[in-house]
Amino acid sequence: VIELKNNLQLEGKLHSVDQFLNVKIEDVRVRDAAKYPQLLAMKNCFVRGSVVRYVHLKREDVDLPLLEDATRREYREAR
């Protein structure tokens, strides 16, 4: 779930994220469809990082060993 600064919440399949927290989402669903009916037809979405408030990920959806390895590699390369 991506929560935006305007309180809009989007659910979907995370396609990609860059270093600026720009996010691409596929199979998008709006959490409060009654409030945002104009977004019901949206299938894919690009969200600019500056409007993101929170990114909520389910614990089981995070590959922790992969994330830890990537963090270690980035730390070593920065030194």
N, C-alpha and C. Protein backbone atom coordinates (compact mmCIF):
# COMPACT_ATOMS: atom_id res chain seq x y z
N VAL A 1 0.85 -1.18 0.00
CA VAL A 1 0.00 0.00 0.00
C VAL A 1 0.90 1.24 0.00
N ILE A 2 0.59 2.15 -0.89
CA ILE A 2 1.29 3.43 -0.95
C ILE A 2 0.31 4.48 -0.43
N GLU A 3 0.69 5.19 0.62
CA GLU A 3 -0.15 6.27 1.14
C GLU A 3 0.48 7.58 0.72
N LEU A 4 -0.33 8.44 0.08
CA LEU A 4 0.16 9.71 -0.41
C LEU A 4 -0.13 10.82 0.59
N LYS A 5 0.52 11.95 0.42
CA LYS A 5 0.35 13.08 1.33
C LYS A 5 -1.05 13.66 1.29
N ASN A 6 -1.82 13.39 0.22
CA ASN A 6 -3.21 13.87 0.16
C ASN A 6 -4.18 12.82 0.70
N ASN A 7 -3.66 11.82 1.43
CA ASN A 7 -4.41 10.75 2.08
C ASN A 7 -4.96 9.69 1.14
N LEU A 8 -4.66 9.76 -0.14
CA LEU A 8 -5.03 8.71 -1.08
C LEU A 8 -4.18 7.49 -0.81
N GLN A 9 -4.81 6.31 -0.79
CA GLN A 9 -4.08 5.06 -0.57
C GLN A 9 -4.27 4.17 -1.79
N LEU A 10 -3.16 3.73 -2.35
CA LEU A 10 -3.16 2.87 -3.53
C LEU A 10 -2.58 1.51 -3.17
N GLU A 11 -3.24 0.46 -3.64
CA GLU A 11 -2.74 -0.90 -3.47
C GLU A 11 -2.40 -1.43 -4.84
N GLY A 12 -1.47 -2.34 -4.90
CA GLY A 12 -1.13 -2.96 -6.17
C GLY A 12 0.18 -3.70 -6.08
N LYS A 13 0.62 -4.16 -7.24
CA LYS A 13 1.87 -4.89 -7.34
C LYS A 13 2.99 -3.90 -7.60
N LEU A 14 3.97 -3.89 -6.72
CA LEU A 14 5.10 -2.98 -6.85
C LEU A 14 5.95 -3.41 -8.04
N HIS A 15 6.09 -2.52 -9.00
CA HIS A 15 6.88 -2.81 -10.20
C HIS A 15 8.32 -2.34 -10.02
N SER A 16 8.50 -1.10 -9.57
CA SER A 16 9.86 -0.59 -9.36
C SER A 16 9.85 0.63 -8.45
N VAL A 17 11.02 0.88 -7.86
CA VAL A 17 11.25 2.05 -7.02
C VAL A 17 12.64 2.56 -7.35
N ASP A 18 12.81 3.88 -7.40
CA ASP A 18 14.15 4.41 -7.64
C ASP A 18 14.66 5.13 -6.39
N GLN A 19 15.84 5.73 -6.50
CA GLN A 19 16.48 6.35 -5.34
C GLN A 19 15.73 7.57 -4.82
N PHE A 20 14.80 8.12 -5.61
CA PHE A 20 14.01 9.28 -5.20
C PHE A 20 12.65 8.87 -4.65
N LEU A 21 12.43 7.56 -4.47
CA LEU A 21 11.18 6.98 -4.02
C LEU A 21 10.05 7.15 -5.05
N ASN A 22 10.42 7.39 -6.30
CA ASN A 22 9.42 7.33 -7.36
C ASN A 22 9.03 5.87 -7.49
N VAL A 23 7.72 5.60 -7.58
CA VAL A 23 7.21 4.24 -7.52
C VAL A 23 6.34 3.96 -8.74
N LYS A 24 6.53 2.77 -9.32
CA LYS A 24 5.63 2.29 -10.37
C LYS A 24 4.84 1.13 -9.79
N ILE A 25 3.51 1.19 -9.97
CA ILE A 25 2.61 0.17 -9.43
C ILE A 25 1.77 -0.39 -10.57
N GLU A 26 1.56 -1.70 -10.56
CA GLU A 26 0.69 -2.37 -11.52
C GLU A 26 -0.53 -2.91 -10.80
N ASP A 27 -1.59 -3.18 -11.55
CA ASP A 27 -2.84 -3.70 -11.00
C ASP A 27 -3.32 -2.85 -9.82
N VAL A 28 -3.42 -1.56 -10.06
CA VAL A 28 -3.72 -0.58 -9.01
C VAL A 28 -5.18 -0.67 -8.57
N ARG A 29 -5.38 -0.59 -7.26
CA ARG A 29 -6.71 -0.47 -6.66
C ARG A 29 -6.66 0.69 -5.67
N VAL A 30 -7.72 1.46 -5.64
CA VAL A 30 -7.82 2.60 -4.71
C VAL A 30 -8.51 2.11 -3.46
N ARG A 31 -7.97 2.42 -2.29
CA ARG A 31 -8.55 1.96 -1.02
C ARG A 31 -9.94 2.55 -0.78
N ASP A 32 -10.13 3.82 -1.04
CA ASP A 32 -11.43 4.47 -0.82
C ASP A 32 -12.04 4.83 -2.17
N ALA A 33 -12.55 3.82 -2.87
CA ALA A 33 -13.06 4.00 -4.23
C ALA A 33 -14.25 4.95 -4.28
N ALA A 34 -15.04 5.01 -3.22
CA ALA A 34 -16.19 5.92 -3.21
C ALA A 34 -15.74 7.37 -3.23
N LYS A 35 -14.63 7.66 -2.63
CA LYS A 35 -14.11 9.03 -2.58
C LYS A 35 -13.37 9.43 -3.85
N TYR A 36 -12.80 8.44 -4.55
CA TYR A 36 -12.02 8.70 -5.76
C TYR A 36 -12.52 7.85 -6.93
N PRO A 37 -13.77 8.02 -7.35
CA PRO A 37 -14.31 7.17 -8.44
C PRO A 37 -13.59 7.38 -9.77
N GLN A 38 -12.99 8.55 -9.96
CA GLN A 38 -12.28 8.84 -11.22
C GLN A 38 -11.04 7.96 -11.40
N LEU A 39 -10.58 7.32 -10.34
CA LEU A 39 -9.38 6.50 -10.40
C LEU A 39 -9.66 5.01 -10.58
N LEU A 40 -10.93 4.63 -10.66
CA LEU A 40 -11.28 3.22 -10.74
C LEU A 40 -10.78 2.56 -12.02
N ALA A 41 -10.67 3.30 -13.11
CA ALA A 41 -10.25 2.73 -14.39
C ALA A 41 -8.73 2.62 -14.50
N MET A 42 -8.02 3.15 -13.55
CA MET A 42 -6.55 3.15 -13.60
C MET A 42 -6.01 1.74 -13.38
N LYS A 43 -5.12 1.29 -14.26
CA LYS A 43 -4.51 -0.04 -14.15
C LYS A 43 -3.06 0.04 -13.66
N ASN A 44 -2.30 0.98 -14.20
CA ASN A 44 -0.91 1.16 -13.82
C ASN A 44 -0.72 2.60 -13.37
N CYS A 45 0.29 2.82 -12.54
CA CYS A 45 0.44 4.15 -11.96
C CYS A 45 1.92 4.45 -11.69
N PHE A 46 2.30 5.70 -11.91
CA PHE A 46 3.61 6.20 -11.53
C PHE A 46 3.38 7.24 -10.46
N VAL A 47 4.03 7.09 -9.31
CA VAL A 47 3.86 8.03 -8.21
C VAL A 47 5.19 8.72 -7.96
N ARG A 48 5.17 10.03 -7.99
CA ARG A 48 6.38 10.81 -7.73
C ARG A 48 6.73 10.70 -6.25
N GLY A 49 7.99 10.49 -5.96
CA GLY A 49 8.44 10.26 -4.59
C GLY A 49 8.12 11.38 -3.62
N SER A 50 8.07 12.61 -4.10
CA SER A 50 7.84 13.74 -3.20
C SER A 50 6.41 13.77 -2.64
N VAL A 51 5.49 12.98 -3.21
CA VAL A 51 4.11 12.98 -2.70
C VAL A 51 3.82 11.74 -1.86
N VAL A 52 4.81 10.87 -1.68
CA VAL A 52 4.63 9.64 -0.89
C VAL A 52 4.78 9.96 0.59
N ARG A 53 3.81 9.53 1.38
CA ARG A 53 3.90 9.66 2.84
C ARG A 53 4.45 8.37 3.43
N TYR A 54 3.84 7.23 3.11
CA TYR A 54 4.28 5.93 3.63
C TYR A 54 4.19 4.88 2.54
N VAL A 55 5.04 3.87 2.67
CA VAL A 55 4.94 2.65 1.88
C VAL A 55 4.77 1.52 2.88
N HIS A 56 3.64 0.85 2.82
CA HIS A 56 3.36 -0.26 3.73
C HIS A 56 3.60 -1.57 2.99
N LEU A 57 4.48 -2.42 3.52
CA LEU A 57 4.75 -3.72 2.93
C LEU A 57 4.44 -4.80 3.95
N LYS A 58 3.84 -5.89 3.46
CA LYS A 58 3.60 -7.03 4.34
C LYS A 58 4.94 -7.68 4.64
N ARG A 59 5.10 -8.13 5.85
CA ARG A 59 6.35 -8.74 6.28
C ARG A 59 6.74 -9.92 5.38
N GLU A 60 5.77 -10.74 5.01
CA GLU A 60 6.08 -11.92 4.19
C GLU A 60 6.43 -11.56 2.74
N ASP A 61 6.17 -10.33 2.33
CA ASP A 61 6.49 -9.90 0.96
C ASP A 61 7.90 -9.34 0.84
N VAL A 62 8.59 -9.18 1.94
CA VAL A 62 9.94 -8.61 1.92
C VAL A 62 10.96 -9.74 1.97
N ASP A 63 11.86 -9.77 1.00
CA ASP A 63 12.94 -10.76 0.97
C ASP A 63 14.09 -10.20 1.82
N LEU A 64 14.07 -10.48 3.10
CA LEU A 64 15.01 -9.89 4.04
C LEU A 64 16.47 -10.23 3.73
N PRO A 65 16.82 -11.47 3.45
CA PRO A 65 18.23 -11.76 3.13
C PRO A 65 18.72 -10.98 1.90
N LEU A 66 17.89 -10.85 0.88
CA LEU A 66 18.28 -10.10 -0.30
C LEU A 66 18.49 -8.62 0.04
N LEU A 67 17.60 -8.07 0.85
CA LEU A 67 17.71 -6.68 1.28
C LEU A 67 18.97 -6.45 2.11
N GLU A 68 19.27 -7.37 3.02
CA GLU A 68 20.47 -7.25 3.84
C GLU A 68 21.74 -7.32 2.98
N ASP A 69 21.77 -8.24 2.03
CA ASP A 69 22.93 -8.36 1.14
C ASP A 69 23.13 -7.09 0.32
N ALA A 70 22.04 -6.54 -0.20
CA ALA A 70 22.13 -5.32 -1.00
C ALA A 70 22.64 -4.16 -0.15
N THR A 71 22.21 -4.10 1.10
CA THR A 71 22.65 -3.04 2.00
C THR A 71 24.14 -3.18 2.30
N ARG A 72 24.59 -4.41 2.53
CA ARG A 72 26.03 -4.63 2.79
C ARG A 72 26.87 -4.25 1.58
N ARG A 73 26.43 -4.66 0.38
CA ARG A 73 27.16 -4.34 -0.84
C ARG A 73 27.24 -2.83 -1.03
N GLU A 74 26.14 -2.13 -0.82
CA GLU A 74 26.12 -0.68 -0.99
C GLU A 74 27.05 -0.01 0.02
N TYR A 75 27.10 -0.51 1.24
CA TYR A 75 27.98 0.04 2.27
C TYR A 75 29.44 -0.15 1.87
N ARG A 76 29.78 -1.37 1.42
CA ARG A 76 31.17 -1.65 1.02
C ARG A 76 31.61 -0.79 -0.16
N GLU A 77 30.72 -0.60 -1.12
CA GLU A 77 31.06 0.19 -2.30
C GLU A 77 31.22 1.68 -1.97
N ALA A 78 30.54 2.13 -0.93
CA ALA A 78 30.60 3.55 -0.55
C ALA A 78 31.91 3.89 0.16
N ARG A 79 32.57 2.89 0.74
CA ARG A 79 33.82 3.14 1.47
C ARG A 79 34.98 3.30 0.58
